[in-house]
Amino acid sequence: MNTPAPPQIFSPTRRLAARRRAQAFQGRPGAANYLAADMTEDLLERLAFLRHEPKRVLLIGMASHSLVADLTARGAAVICAEPATGFAEEAPFPATDFDLIASFGTLDTVNDLPGALIHIRNALAPGGLAIASFVGAGSLPALRAAMLAADGERPAPRLHPAVDVRAGGQLLQRAGWADPVVDSRSVEVRFSSLASMLADLRAQALTNVLLQSGPPLKRQQYCIAKEQFGTGTIERFEILTLSGWWR
């Protein structure tokens, strides 16, 4: 019996373009990277708590140079993989037997999330740990309100559907991760304007990559969204983290 193909929610072409653009932004001084920084800090705290000392590590996403240096100093051989340069998360990984696989902000825009989680599990060595963090459900409430105000009575698909804690737990069980743990935490950021927030989203590969997205905002719509968003607005990002082992 053939397994049905996963629904195509996200455009691989748009996703690749968004990640390449973000990668270019990250090479500039002062580029927004606070979400990756938060995920990195969380990863190091989890490794310390679990007393897990990996010797072979795969980092997926825009891992910081400081994280690579930290893990290398601990004696780990580190491989970095980024979808912007062709790494395919929805296919079997070309290398395996990792003691640690950490994914930073990439799994929220794959079409086959269960498949991607299975590929992560299959690339672990026995006793290996996987940790995946990405933007989850409940994120960007101020931006959502601004887009709804701009679209009026005919709202368009502009923001991504997202995974919540309950769905994350079900996904890990389906993917066969052992001792799965799912949690969510908030990162709050103050923005001076809608434009400054959109710039941060571009720099962190968080722009719209839906296959069927709404039309671009017209000038009048953008003005409505800008007014609705306001100035000095505190926006919330919910970071969902999935972790588990291969026993």
Protein backbone atom coordinates (compact mmCIF):
# COMPACT_ATOMS: atom_id res chain seq x y z
CA MET A 1 0.00 0.00 0.00
CA ASN A 2 1.48 3.34 -1.09
CA THR A 3 1.84 6.05 1.54
CA PRO A 4 0.10 9.23 0.42
CA ALA A 5 2.37 12.20 -0.25
CA PRO A 6 2.33 14.90 2.45
CA PRO A 7 0.30 18.01 1.66
CA GLN A 8 2.30 20.77 0.01
CA ILE A 9 1.82 23.74 2.32
CA PHE A 10 5.16 25.45 1.77
CA SER A 11 6.92 26.30 -1.47
CA PRO A 12 10.42 24.75 -1.59
CA THR A 13 11.49 27.45 -4.04
CA ARG A 14 10.32 30.31 -1.83
CA ARG A 15 11.78 28.61 1.24
CA LEU A 16 15.17 28.28 -0.43
CA ALA A 17 15.11 31.93 -1.50
CA ALA A 18 14.13 33.09 2.01
CA ARG A 19 16.93 31.11 3.64
CA ARG A 20 19.52 32.30 1.11
CA ARG A 21 18.44 35.89 1.71
CA ALA A 22 18.67 35.40 5.48
CA GLN A 23 22.09 33.81 5.12
CA ALA A 24 23.26 36.88 3.23
CA PHE A 25 21.82 39.18 5.91
CA GLN A 26 23.61 37.23 8.63
CA GLY A 27 26.91 38.16 7.05
CA ARG A 28 26.25 41.83 7.79
CA PRO A 29 27.08 43.57 11.07
CA GLY A 30 24.14 43.96 13.44
CA ALA A 31 21.86 41.47 11.68
CA ALA A 32 18.99 40.22 13.84
CA ASN A 33 19.76 36.72 15.15
CA TYR A 34 18.18 36.71 18.61
CA LEU A 35 16.06 33.62 17.97
CA ALA A 36 19.06 31.51 16.92
CA ALA A 37 20.94 32.90 19.93
CA ASP A 38 18.10 31.84 22.23
CA MET A 39 18.01 28.35 20.68
CA THR A 40 21.78 28.04 21.06
CA GLU A 41 21.69 29.02 24.73
CA ASP A 42 18.88 26.55 25.33
CA LEU A 43 20.82 23.76 23.61
CA LEU A 44 23.90 24.31 25.77
CA GLU A 45 21.78 24.36 28.93
CA ARG A 46 20.14 21.06 27.97
CA LEU A 47 23.48 19.41 27.23
CA ALA A 48 24.79 20.52 30.63
CA PHE A 49 21.67 19.31 32.43
CA LEU A 50 21.71 15.94 30.66
CA ARG A 51 25.51 15.66 30.99
CA HIS A 52 25.62 14.65 27.35
CA GLU A 53 29.09 15.01 25.82
CA PRO A 54 28.71 14.30 22.10
CA LYS A 55 31.71 13.40 19.98
CA ARG A 56 30.05 13.61 16.58
CA VAL A 57 27.59 16.49 16.02
CA LEU A 58 25.33 17.65 13.19
CA LEU A 59 24.03 21.23 13.41
CA ILE A 60 21.18 22.04 11.00
CA GLY A 61 20.39 25.68 10.32
CA MET A 62 22.27 28.89 10.98
CA ALA A 63 24.46 27.67 13.82
CA SER A 64 26.70 30.35 15.29
CA HIS A 65 30.48 30.21 15.05
CA SER A 66 30.62 30.42 18.84
CA LEU A 67 28.54 27.26 19.21
CA VAL A 68 30.74 25.37 16.76
CA ALA A 69 33.81 26.58 18.65
CA ASP A 70 32.29 25.58 22.01
CA LEU A 71 31.45 22.05 20.87
CA THR A 72 34.80 21.65 19.14
CA ALA A 73 36.58 22.70 22.32
CA ARG A 74 34.77 19.87 24.09
CA GLY A 75 36.26 17.39 21.65
CA ALA A 76 33.34 17.07 19.23
CA ALA A 77 33.65 16.76 15.48
CA VAL A 78 31.03 19.19 14.16
CA ILE A 79 29.30 19.15 10.77
CA CYS A 80 27.11 22.11 9.79
CA ALA A 81 24.24 21.75 7.31
CA GLU A 82 21.99 24.51 5.97
CA PRO A 83 18.95 24.16 3.67
CA ALA A 84 20.08 27.32 1.86
CA THR A 85 23.08 25.39 0.54
CA GLY A 86 21.18 22.27 -0.47
CA PHE A 87 20.78 20.18 2.67
CA ALA A 88 17.54 18.21 2.30
CA GLU A 89 15.74 17.55 5.59
CA GLU A 90 12.96 15.55 3.94
CA ALA A 91 15.35 12.93 2.54
CA PRO A 92 17.66 10.40 4.23
CA PHE A 93 20.75 12.15 5.55
CA PRO A 94 24.01 11.47 3.68
CA ALA A 95 25.86 10.89 6.98
CA THR A 96 24.78 9.02 10.13
CA ASP A 97 25.96 7.89 13.57
CA PHE A 98 25.75 11.31 15.22
CA ASP A 99 25.77 11.58 19.00
CA LEU A 100 23.90 14.89 18.72
CA ILE A 101 21.73 16.41 16.02
CA ALA A 102 20.47 19.93 16.69
CA SER A 103 18.12 21.77 14.35
CA PHE A 104 17.70 25.54 14.67
CA GLY A 105 14.61 27.16 13.17
CA THR A 106 14.24 25.04 10.04
CA LEU A 107 11.54 22.45 10.67
CA ASP A 108 8.63 24.91 10.78
CA THR A 109 8.60 25.17 6.96
CA VAL A 110 9.11 21.58 5.80
CA ASN A 111 6.11 19.89 4.18
CA ASP A 112 6.87 16.44 5.58
CA LEU A 113 7.63 17.15 9.21
CA PRO A 114 7.07 13.53 10.39
CA GLY A 115 9.44 12.35 7.67
CA ALA A 116 12.07 14.93 8.62
CA LEU A 117 11.89 13.81 12.26
CA ILE A 118 12.31 10.18 11.20
CA HIS A 119 15.38 11.07 9.13
CA ILE A 120 16.88 12.82 12.17
CA ARG A 121 16.23 9.76 14.32
CA ASN A 122 17.75 7.44 11.70
CA ALA A 123 20.92 9.57 11.54
CA LEU A 124 21.59 9.20 15.27
CA ALA A 125 24.02 6.73 16.75
CA PRO A 126 22.72 4.45 19.53
CA GLY A 127 22.32 6.67 22.59
CA GLY A 128 22.30 9.78 20.41
CA LEU A 129 20.29 12.87 21.27
CA ALA A 130 18.22 15.04 18.94
CA ILE A 131 17.01 18.57 19.75
CA ALA A 132 14.93 20.58 17.30
CA SER A 133 13.77 24.14 17.99
CA PHE A 134 11.59 26.31 15.77
CA VAL A 135 8.89 28.98 15.87
CA GLY A 136 5.64 27.39 17.00
CA ALA A 137 1.96 28.10 17.49
CA GLY A 138 1.03 31.31 19.26
CA SER A 139 3.80 33.35 17.66
CA LEU A 140 3.44 36.85 16.18
CA PRO A 141 0.00 37.82 17.56
CA ALA A 142 0.56 41.54 16.87
CA LEU A 143 1.55 40.88 13.26
CA ARG A 144 -1.44 38.58 12.77
CA ALA A 145 -3.76 41.29 14.06
CA ALA A 146 -2.16 43.84 11.73
CA MET A 147 -2.59 41.57 8.70
CA LEU A 148 -6.21 40.86 9.56
CA ALA A 149 -6.89 44.57 9.88
CA ALA A 150 -5.23 45.24 6.52
CA ASP A 151 -7.17 42.51 4.70
CA GLY A 152 -10.53 43.48 6.19
CA GLU A 153 -13.43 41.16 5.37
CA ARG A 154 -11.34 38.99 3.02
CA PRO A 155 -8.33 37.75 5.00
CA ALA A 156 -5.55 36.25 2.91
CA PRO A 157 -3.05 33.51 3.86
CA ARG A 158 -0.06 35.53 5.04
CA LEU A 159 1.32 33.76 8.12
CA HIS A 160 2.27 30.15 8.46
CA PRO A 161 0.30 27.45 10.27
CA ALA A 162 2.39 26.31 13.23
CA VAL A 163 2.87 23.31 15.52
CA ASP A 164 1.82 23.45 19.17
CA VAL A 165 3.05 21.41 22.14
CA ARG A 166 0.37 18.73 21.84
CA ALA A 167 0.96 18.19 18.14
CA GLY A 168 4.71 18.16 18.75
CA GLY A 169 4.35 15.27 21.20
CA GLN A 170 2.25 13.30 18.75
CA LEU A 171 4.82 13.89 16.00
CA LEU A 172 7.68 12.60 18.16
CA GLN A 173 5.78 9.44 19.04
CA ARG A 174 4.98 8.90 15.38
CA ALA A 175 8.65 9.41 14.44
CA GLY A 176 9.83 6.93 17.06
CA TRP A 177 11.96 9.24 19.22
CA ALA A 178 12.63 7.64 22.61
CA ASP A 179 11.92 9.50 25.86
CA PRO A 180 10.39 12.44 23.95
CA VAL A 181 10.12 15.84 25.58
CA VAL A 182 8.23 18.81 24.14
CA ASP A 183 8.15 22.29 25.60
CA SER A 184 7.52 25.87 24.56
CA ARG A 185 8.92 29.18 25.76
CA SER A 186 8.30 32.80 24.82
CA VAL A 187 10.79 35.30 23.45
CA GLU A 188 9.44 38.84 23.54
CA VAL A 189 10.92 41.61 21.39
CA ARG A 190 10.03 45.31 21.27
CA PHE A 191 9.79 46.84 17.78
CA SER A 192 9.80 50.50 16.88
CA SER A 193 7.63 49.90 13.81
CA LEU A 194 6.13 47.32 11.49
CA ALA A 195 8.99 47.92 9.04
CA SER A 196 11.62 47.10 11.66
CA MET A 197 9.86 43.86 12.51
CA LEU A 198 9.59 42.80 8.87
CA ALA A 199 13.31 43.47 8.46
CA ASP A 200 14.04 41.18 11.40
CA LEU A 201 11.83 38.45 9.94
CA ARG A 202 13.72 38.62 6.63
CA ALA A 203 17.06 38.40 8.42
CA GLN A 204 15.94 35.25 10.27
CA ALA A 205 14.22 33.44 7.36
CA LEU A 206 10.76 33.92 8.87
CA THR A 207 8.95 35.50 5.93
CA ASN A 208 6.00 33.96 4.10
CA VAL A 209 6.96 30.87 2.07
CA LEU A 210 3.46 29.44 1.64
CA LEU A 211 2.78 27.68 -1.65
CA GLN A 212 -0.56 29.47 -1.89
CA SER A 213 0.06 32.86 -0.34
CA GLY A 214 -2.02 35.99 -0.43
CA PRO A 215 -1.41 38.86 -2.84
CA PRO A 216 1.06 41.59 -1.85
CA LEU A 217 -0.37 44.29 0.37
CA LYS A 218 -1.49 47.37 -1.47
CA ARG A 219 -0.26 50.74 -0.27
CA GLN A 220 -3.49 51.48 1.61
CA GLN A 221 -3.45 48.04 3.21
CA TYR A 222 0.13 48.50 4.36
CA CYS A 223 -0.78 51.83 5.95
CA ILE A 224 -3.60 50.12 7.85
CA ALA A 225 -1.28 47.34 8.99
CA LYS A 226 1.36 49.86 10.03
CA GLU A 227 -1.12 51.82 12.12
CA GLN A 228 -2.56 48.66 13.69
CA PHE A 229 0.91 47.38 14.61
CA GLY A 230 1.85 50.70 16.16
CA THR A 231 5.17 51.81 17.64
CA GLY A 232 7.04 50.31 20.55
CA THR A 233 5.01 47.12 20.17
CA ILE A 234 6.13 44.02 22.06
CA GLU A 235 5.80 40.99 19.79
CA ARG A 236 5.98 37.40 20.98
CA PHE A 237 7.76 34.43 19.46
CA GLU A 238 6.88 31.01 20.85
CA ILE A 239 9.86 28.67 20.51
CA LEU A 240 8.85 25.01 20.37
CA THR A 241 11.56 22.53 21.26
CA LEU A 242 11.38 18.80 20.56
CA SER A 243 13.95 16.46 22.06
CA GLY A 244 14.46 12.73 22.21
CA TRP A 245 16.90 9.86 21.93
CA TRP A 246 17.67 6.90 19.74
CA ARG A 247 17.80 3.85 21.96
